[in-house]
Amino acid sequence: MKIGQRAAETNPGRKRRRNEDAYVCDPPLFAVADGMGGAQAGELASSLAAAALRERDDDDRGGEGRVAELIQEANRRVHQRALDDVAASGMGTTMTVALFQDDGSVSIGHVGDSRAYLLRDGALDQLTDDHSLVAELVRRGELSPEEAEVHPQRSVITRALGTEADVDVDTFTVQAHANDVFLLCSDGLTTMVDVETINGIVERGRHDLVGAAHALIKEANERGGDDNITILLFEIAEGEPDEQTAEAPPAADAEEDTLHPEPAGSSSGDTAVVSVEEIRGALAARAEAGEDDDAEHVPRASLLQYALATLLIAALAALVVFLVVRGLAQ
């Protein structure tokens, strides 16, 4: 078997001014990364991770071990840059990687909440497990899937590249069949579009993956486009692995004029990485204190900064008055 048609497209969505997603469409390797960190750090993190994969050597054998090795190298680069650059401190990125092998298998490596899906015989199955707060709570039976979809902490992830010197990578291998279609995507798709709709769009567009990728992005934007959206699709076809089908160019972006400004003071890097225990402890503490989850709370640091600014303004005003009075006296 071989890789047949493939398509990749990324879009900032309707509410983000920057696109912090990145992808690699370099057969036999495919990957999607969704950066975080605010300012331009999220964009930097995902681009560094993607570059680590693009700059790999020519040996793509090794299956799961090779995938884990590549993701660890991407993690090392992002983490080192965060240590070297104060402006990038705390940045990170998700990463989902698929590596096609000559024996027809596809090895998947995964960190974060970007996803890999497989369309086979008309049914779309999610292959990866999200490393997120709500996904963990669903797996523990403490939250229903329906509750998870609207949970206020649904963007909080529990694992990402770059936040630590080493990262725990989930790896597994799928034996591919002819006509299988693999989908890698950032959560800008899955938080906007339900899996049944995604299934239908990919199934209808399986013979035109470029069109299918564009249709998925269009659907996510029509439903709000709250985040950056990245789609990567590739097909498994019959034939020899060395006879690869050329990649079609991405479809033209029909959503260029749909950008809506972000609310004042918002940040495009609104994804956080924390442990489940930290989040649950914080929520419990707030509940005991009688705080409303939906109320606005001003951080202590902000209050301190406000007080200092007020004192500084008062001191400057007093100085101006003193100088004016002294001038009049002379």
Protein backbone atom coordinates (compact mmCIF):
# COMPACT_ATOMS: atom_id res chain seq x y z
CA MET A 1 0.00 0.00 0.00
CA LYS A 2 0.94 3.64 -0.39
CA ILE A 3 -0.21 7.11 0.56
CA GLY A 4 -2.74 8.35 -1.97
CA GLN A 5 -4.16 11.84 -2.03
CA ARG A 6 -3.56 14.15 0.90
CA ALA A 7 -4.55 17.67 1.83
CA ALA A 8 -3.70 20.17 4.54
CA GLU A 9 -5.19 23.55 5.36
CA THR A 10 -5.03 25.92 8.31
CA ASN A 11 -7.15 28.96 9.13
CA PRO A 12 -7.06 31.49 12.00
CA GLY A 13 -10.82 31.24 12.54
CA ARG A 14 -13.14 34.17 13.08
CA LYS A 15 -11.91 35.43 16.44
CA ARG A 16 -8.12 35.05 16.42
CA ARG A 17 -5.78 37.64 14.93
CA ARG A 18 -2.90 35.16 14.73
CA ASN A 19 -2.74 31.53 13.75
CA GLU A 20 -0.88 29.56 16.43
CA ASP A 21 -1.40 26.22 14.67
CA ALA A 22 1.20 24.53 12.49
CA TYR A 23 1.26 21.35 10.45
CA VAL A 24 3.65 19.04 8.62
CA CYS A 25 2.51 17.31 5.44
CA ASP A 26 5.70 15.55 4.39
CA PRO A 27 4.91 11.92 3.45
CA PRO A 28 5.34 9.50 5.05
CA LEU A 29 5.11 11.87 8.05
CA PHE A 30 2.12 14.04 8.99
CA ALA A 31 1.58 16.20 12.07
CA VAL A 32 -0.59 18.92 13.60
CA ALA A 33 0.52 21.25 16.42
CA ASP A 34 -1.57 23.79 18.35
CA GLY A 35 0.53 26.35 20.20
CA MET A 36 -0.24 28.21 23.40
CA GLY A 37 1.40 30.83 25.57
CA GLY A 38 -0.01 34.25 24.66
CA ALA A 39 1.66 37.07 22.72
CA GLN A 40 3.53 35.30 19.91
CA ALA A 41 4.82 32.44 22.06
CA GLY A 42 2.13 29.97 20.98
CA GLU A 43 2.93 30.55 17.33
CA LEU A 44 6.62 30.15 18.10
CA ALA A 45 6.11 26.90 20.02
CA SER A 46 4.10 25.19 17.28
CA SER A 47 6.48 26.37 14.54
CA LEU A 48 9.53 25.11 16.45
CA ALA A 49 7.87 21.73 16.97
CA ALA A 50 6.90 21.48 13.30
CA ALA A 51 10.42 22.47 12.23
CA ALA A 52 11.91 19.65 14.32
CA LEU A 53 9.88 17.17 12.28
CA ARG A 54 10.64 18.78 8.92
CA GLU A 55 14.39 18.81 9.67
CA ARG A 56 14.53 15.11 10.60
CA ASP A 57 16.96 12.80 8.81
CA ASP A 58 15.77 10.52 6.01
CA ASP A 59 15.29 7.46 8.22
CA ASP A 60 11.55 7.23 8.84
CA ARG A 61 11.63 3.59 9.88
CA GLY A 62 11.01 2.48 13.43
CA GLY A 63 7.29 2.97 13.87
CA GLU A 64 6.25 4.03 17.36
CA GLY A 65 9.83 4.42 18.57
CA ARG A 66 10.63 6.78 15.72
CA VAL A 67 7.49 8.84 16.35
CA ALA A 68 8.27 9.14 20.07
CA GLU A 69 11.85 10.15 19.26
CA LEU A 70 10.69 12.93 16.92
CA ILE A 71 8.19 14.30 19.43
CA GLN A 72 10.83 14.27 22.18
CA GLU A 73 13.16 16.27 19.94
CA ALA A 74 10.36 18.75 19.24
CA ASN A 75 9.77 19.00 23.00
CA ARG A 76 13.46 19.63 23.63
CA ARG A 77 13.57 22.50 21.15
CA VAL A 78 10.47 24.22 22.50
CA HIS A 79 11.55 23.79 26.13
CA GLN A 80 15.06 25.10 25.45
CA ARG A 81 13.74 28.17 23.65
CA ALA A 82 11.39 28.87 26.56
CA LEU A 83 14.40 28.73 28.93
CA ASP A 84 16.53 30.99 26.71
CA ASP A 85 13.88 33.60 25.92
CA VAL A 86 12.01 35.27 28.79
CA ALA A 87 9.27 36.42 26.41
CA ALA A 88 8.59 32.78 25.53
CA SER A 89 8.55 31.47 29.09
CA GLY A 90 5.68 29.07 29.69
CA MET A 91 4.92 28.46 26.04
CA GLY A 92 3.95 25.03 24.80
CA THR A 93 2.17 23.17 22.05
CA THR A 94 0.12 20.08 21.42
CA MET A 95 1.33 17.62 18.80
CA THR A 96 -0.28 14.70 17.00
CA VAL A 97 1.90 12.78 14.55
CA ALA A 98 1.17 9.99 12.05
CA LEU A 99 3.96 8.02 10.36
CA PHE A 100 3.14 5.66 7.49
CA GLN A 101 5.30 2.54 7.22
CA ASP A 102 6.06 0.42 4.16
CA ASP A 103 4.20 -2.54 5.70
CA GLY A 104 0.94 -0.56 5.58
CA SER A 105 0.88 0.38 9.26
CA VAL A 106 0.45 3.91 10.62
CA SER A 107 2.19 4.77 13.89
CA ILE A 108 0.59 7.56 15.91
CA GLY A 109 2.25 9.75 18.54
CA HIS A 110 0.18 12.14 20.61
CA VAL A 111 0.48 14.86 23.28
CA GLY A 112 -2.35 17.27 24.16
CA ASP A 113 -5.83 17.67 22.73
CA SER A 114 -5.26 17.78 18.99
CA ARG A 115 -6.73 14.58 17.57
CA ALA A 116 -6.30 11.75 15.09
CA TYR A 117 -9.33 10.07 13.48
CA LEU A 118 -9.72 7.15 11.07
CA LEU A 119 -12.49 6.96 8.47
CA ARG A 120 -13.06 3.34 7.48
CA ASP A 121 -16.14 1.90 5.77
CA GLY A 122 -18.03 5.14 6.30
CA ALA A 123 -17.45 5.32 10.07
CA LEU A 124 -15.18 7.90 11.71
CA ASP A 125 -13.40 6.70 14.86
CA GLN A 126 -11.35 8.85 17.23
CA LEU A 127 -7.95 7.20 17.67
CA THR A 128 -6.37 9.47 20.30
CA ASP A 129 -7.39 10.28 23.86
CA ASP A 130 -7.34 13.97 24.78
CA HIS A 131 -4.88 14.97 27.48
CA SER A 132 -7.29 17.48 28.98
CA LEU A 133 -9.04 18.13 32.26
CA VAL A 134 -12.53 17.32 31.02
CA ALA A 135 -11.41 14.20 29.14
CA GLU A 136 -9.73 12.89 32.28
CA LEU A 137 -12.85 13.58 34.33
CA VAL A 138 -14.97 11.77 31.71
CA ARG A 139 -12.63 8.77 31.82
CA ARG A 140 -12.96 8.72 35.63
CA GLY A 141 -16.73 8.80 35.36
CA GLU A 142 -16.93 12.17 37.14
CA LEU A 143 -18.26 14.01 34.10
CA SER A 144 -20.53 12.99 31.22
CA PRO A 145 -19.48 13.61 27.59
CA GLU A 146 -22.35 16.08 27.29
CA GLU A 147 -21.18 18.00 30.37
CA ALA A 148 -17.62 17.99 29.03
CA GLU A 149 -18.70 19.75 25.83
CA VAL A 150 -19.86 22.83 27.76
CA HIS A 151 -17.51 22.69 30.74
CA PRO A 152 -15.82 26.07 31.45
CA GLN A 153 -12.42 24.36 31.77
CA ARG A 154 -12.67 22.36 28.55
CA SER A 155 -9.63 24.19 27.08
CA VAL A 156 -7.36 23.21 29.98
CA ILE A 157 -4.91 20.51 28.90
CA THR A 158 -2.88 18.30 31.21
CA ARG A 159 0.05 17.56 28.91
CA ALA A 160 1.94 19.60 26.28
CA LEU A 161 5.30 19.89 24.55
CA GLY A 162 7.76 22.43 25.92
CA THR A 163 6.54 22.87 29.48
CA GLU A 164 9.00 20.31 30.91
CA ALA A 165 12.37 18.88 29.87
CA ASP A 166 10.71 15.55 29.05
CA VAL A 167 7.19 14.75 27.93
CA ASP A 168 5.11 11.59 28.18
CA VAL A 169 4.11 10.57 24.64
CA ASP A 170 1.20 8.25 23.86
CA THR A 171 2.10 5.95 20.94
CA PHE A 172 0.25 3.18 19.16
CA THR A 173 0.03 1.61 15.69
CA VAL A 174 -2.94 1.07 13.37
CA GLN A 175 -2.84 -1.45 10.54
CA ALA A 176 -4.20 0.48 7.61
CA HIS A 177 -6.55 -0.81 4.91
CA ALA A 178 -6.87 0.39 1.34
CA ASN A 179 -9.26 3.37 1.13
CA ASP A 180 -8.75 4.36 4.78
CA VAL A 181 -8.67 8.12 5.36
CA PHE A 182 -6.80 9.54 8.35
CA LEU A 183 -7.70 12.95 9.78
CA LEU A 184 -5.42 14.98 12.06
CA CYS A 185 -6.86 18.21 13.43
CA SER A 186 -6.52 20.88 16.09
CA ASP A 187 -9.30 21.44 18.60
CA GLY A 188 -10.48 24.46 16.64
CA LEU A 189 -12.41 21.91 14.58
CA THR A 190 -13.63 19.53 17.27
CA THR A 191 -14.87 22.22 19.69
CA MET A 192 -16.98 23.74 16.92
CA VAL A 193 -18.19 20.77 14.87
CA ASP A 194 -19.72 17.55 16.19
CA VAL A 195 -18.25 14.22 15.13
CA GLU A 196 -21.32 13.20 13.09
CA THR A 197 -20.96 16.30 10.91
CA ILE A 198 -17.20 15.75 10.54
CA ASN A 199 -17.89 12.14 9.55
CA GLY A 200 -20.36 13.20 6.88
CA ILE A 201 -18.10 15.86 5.39
CA VAL A 202 -15.08 13.55 5.17
CA GLU A 203 -17.13 10.65 3.79
CA ARG A 204 -18.70 12.83 1.09
CA GLY A 205 -15.33 14.34 0.20
CA ARG A 206 -13.19 11.20 0.37
CA HIS A 207 -12.44 11.46 -3.38
CA ASP A 208 -11.51 15.16 -3.04
CA LEU A 209 -9.61 15.58 0.20
CA VAL A 210 -8.63 19.17 -0.60
CA GLY A 211 -12.30 20.03 -0.88
CA ALA A 212 -13.09 18.06 2.28
CA ALA A 213 -10.44 19.94 4.28
CA HIS A 214 -11.81 23.26 3.10
CA ALA A 215 -15.38 22.20 3.85
CA LEU A 216 -14.41 21.28 7.44
CA ILE A 217 -12.81 24.67 8.01
CA LYS A 218 -15.82 26.43 6.48
CA GLU A 219 -18.15 24.48 8.78
CA ALA A 220 -16.11 25.38 11.89
CA ASN A 221 -16.11 29.06 10.92
CA GLU A 222 -19.83 29.08 10.21
CA ARG A 223 -20.42 27.70 13.72
CA GLY A 224 -18.40 30.48 15.34
CA GLY A 225 -14.74 29.89 14.48
CA ASP A 226 -13.66 30.52 18.07
CA ASP A 227 -10.14 29.16 17.57
CA ASN A 228 -7.53 28.45 14.92
CA ILE A 229 -8.50 25.48 12.75
CA THR A 230 -6.07 23.05 11.14
CA ILE A 231 -7.04 20.04 9.03
CA LEU A 232 -4.74 17.35 7.61
CA LEU A 233 -6.17 14.43 5.64
CA PHE A 234 -4.37 11.55 3.94
CA GLU A 235 -5.61 8.46 2.17
CA ILE A 236 -4.23 4.93 2.08
CA ALA A 237 -4.30 3.50 -1.45
CA GLU A 238 -3.28 0.31 -3.16
CA GLY A 239 0.08 0.31 -4.91
CA GLU A 240 3.80 0.42 -4.24
CA PRO A 241 4.99 2.84 -1.51
CA ASP A 242 7.47 4.56 -3.85
CA GLU A 243 4.71 5.69 -6.22
CA GLN A 244 3.25 8.55 -4.21
CA THR A 245 0.42 10.69 -5.53
CA ALA A 246 1.32 14.38 -5.73
CA GLU A 247 -0.17 16.62 -3.09
CA ALA A 248 -2.90 18.91 -4.37
CA PRO A 249 -2.62 22.63 -3.44
CA PRO A 250 -4.88 23.84 -0.62
CA ALA A 251 -8.22 25.29 -1.60
CA ALA A 252 -8.55 29.08 -1.71
CA ASP A 253 -9.65 30.60 1.59
CA ALA A 254 -13.24 31.80 1.32
CA GLU A 255 -13.30 33.10 4.90
CA GLU A 256 -10.76 35.93 4.63
CA ASP A 257 -13.25 38.66 5.54
CA THR A 258 -14.89 36.86 8.47
CA LEU A 259 -12.44 37.84 11.19
CA HIS A 260 -14.09 39.42 14.22
CA PRO A 261 -11.92 41.39 16.69
CA GLU A 262 -11.09 39.69 19.94
CA PRO A 263 -12.56 41.30 23.07
CA ALA A 264 -10.26 43.88 24.65
CA GLY A 265 -7.67 42.30 26.86
CA SER A 266 -8.20 38.80 25.48
CA SER A 267 -5.33 36.57 24.50
CA SER A 268 -5.13 34.10 21.66
CA GLY A 269 -3.14 31.78 23.87
CA ASP A 270 -5.98 30.88 26.20
CA THR A 271 -5.07 27.22 26.60
CA ALA A 272 -3.43 26.33 29.92
CA VAL A 273 -1.50 23.27 31.05
CA VAL A 274 -2.16 22.11 34.59
CA SER A 275 -2.66 18.87 36.41
CA VAL A 276 -6.15 17.54 37.09
CA GLU A 277 -5.45 17.67 40.82
CA GLU A 278 -4.51 21.37 40.64
CA ILE A 279 -7.72 22.28 38.85
CA ARG A 280 -9.92 20.22 41.12
CA GLY A 281 -8.23 21.68 44.21
CA ALA A 282 -8.69 25.23 42.96
CA LEU A 283 -12.34 24.66 42.15
CA ALA A 284 -12.96 23.08 45.55
CA ALA A 285 -11.28 26.01 47.31
CA ARG A 286 -13.42 28.49 45.42
CA ALA A 287 -16.56 26.52 46.22
CA GLU A 288 -15.72 26.51 49.95
CA ALA A 289 -15.16 30.25 49.86
CA GLY A 290 -18.60 30.72 48.28
CA GLU A 291 -17.20 32.20 45.07
CA ASP A 292 -19.25 32.09 41.88
CA ASP A 293 -17.49 30.28 39.04
CA ASP A 294 -18.87 32.80 36.56
CA ALA A 295 -17.88 35.92 38.52
CA GLU A 296 -14.90 38.02 37.58
CA HIS A 297 -12.02 37.94 40.05
CA VAL A 298 -9.15 40.42 39.96
CA PRO A 299 -5.78 38.72 40.65
CA ARG A 300 -3.80 39.94 43.65
CA ALA A 301 -0.96 40.98 41.38
CA SER A 302 -3.35 43.26 39.47
CA LEU A 303 -4.57 44.89 42.71
CA LEU A 304 -1.00 45.52 43.84
CA GLN A 305 -0.07 47.04 40.49
CA TYR A 306 -3.14 49.27 40.64
CA ALA A 307 -2.25 50.50 44.14
CA LEU A 308 1.35 51.27 43.19
CA ALA A 309 0.21 53.12 40.07
CA THR A 310 -2.22 55.19 42.16
CA LEU A 311 0.52 56.15 44.65
CA LEU A 312 2.88 57.10 41.83
CA ILE A 313 0.28 59.34 40.20
CA ALA A 314 -0.45 61.02 43.54
CA ALA A 315 3.26 61.64 44.16
CA LEU A 316 3.71 63.16 40.70
CA ALA A 317 0.70 65.40 41.22
CA ALA A 318 2.07 66.61 44.56
CA LEU A 319 5.41 67.38 42.94
CA VAL A 320 3.76 69.41 40.18
CA VAL A 321 1.76 71.44 42.72
CA PHE A 322 4.91 72.08 44.79
CA LEU A 323 6.84 73.34 41.75
CA VAL A 324 3.98 75.59 40.66
CA VAL A 325 3.61 77.14 44.16
CA ARG A 326 7.36 77.62 44.44
CA GLY A 327 7.45 79.34 41.07
CA LEU A 328 4.68 81.72 42.07
CA ALA A 329 6.45 82.56 45.35
CA GLN A 330 9.59 83.54 43.50
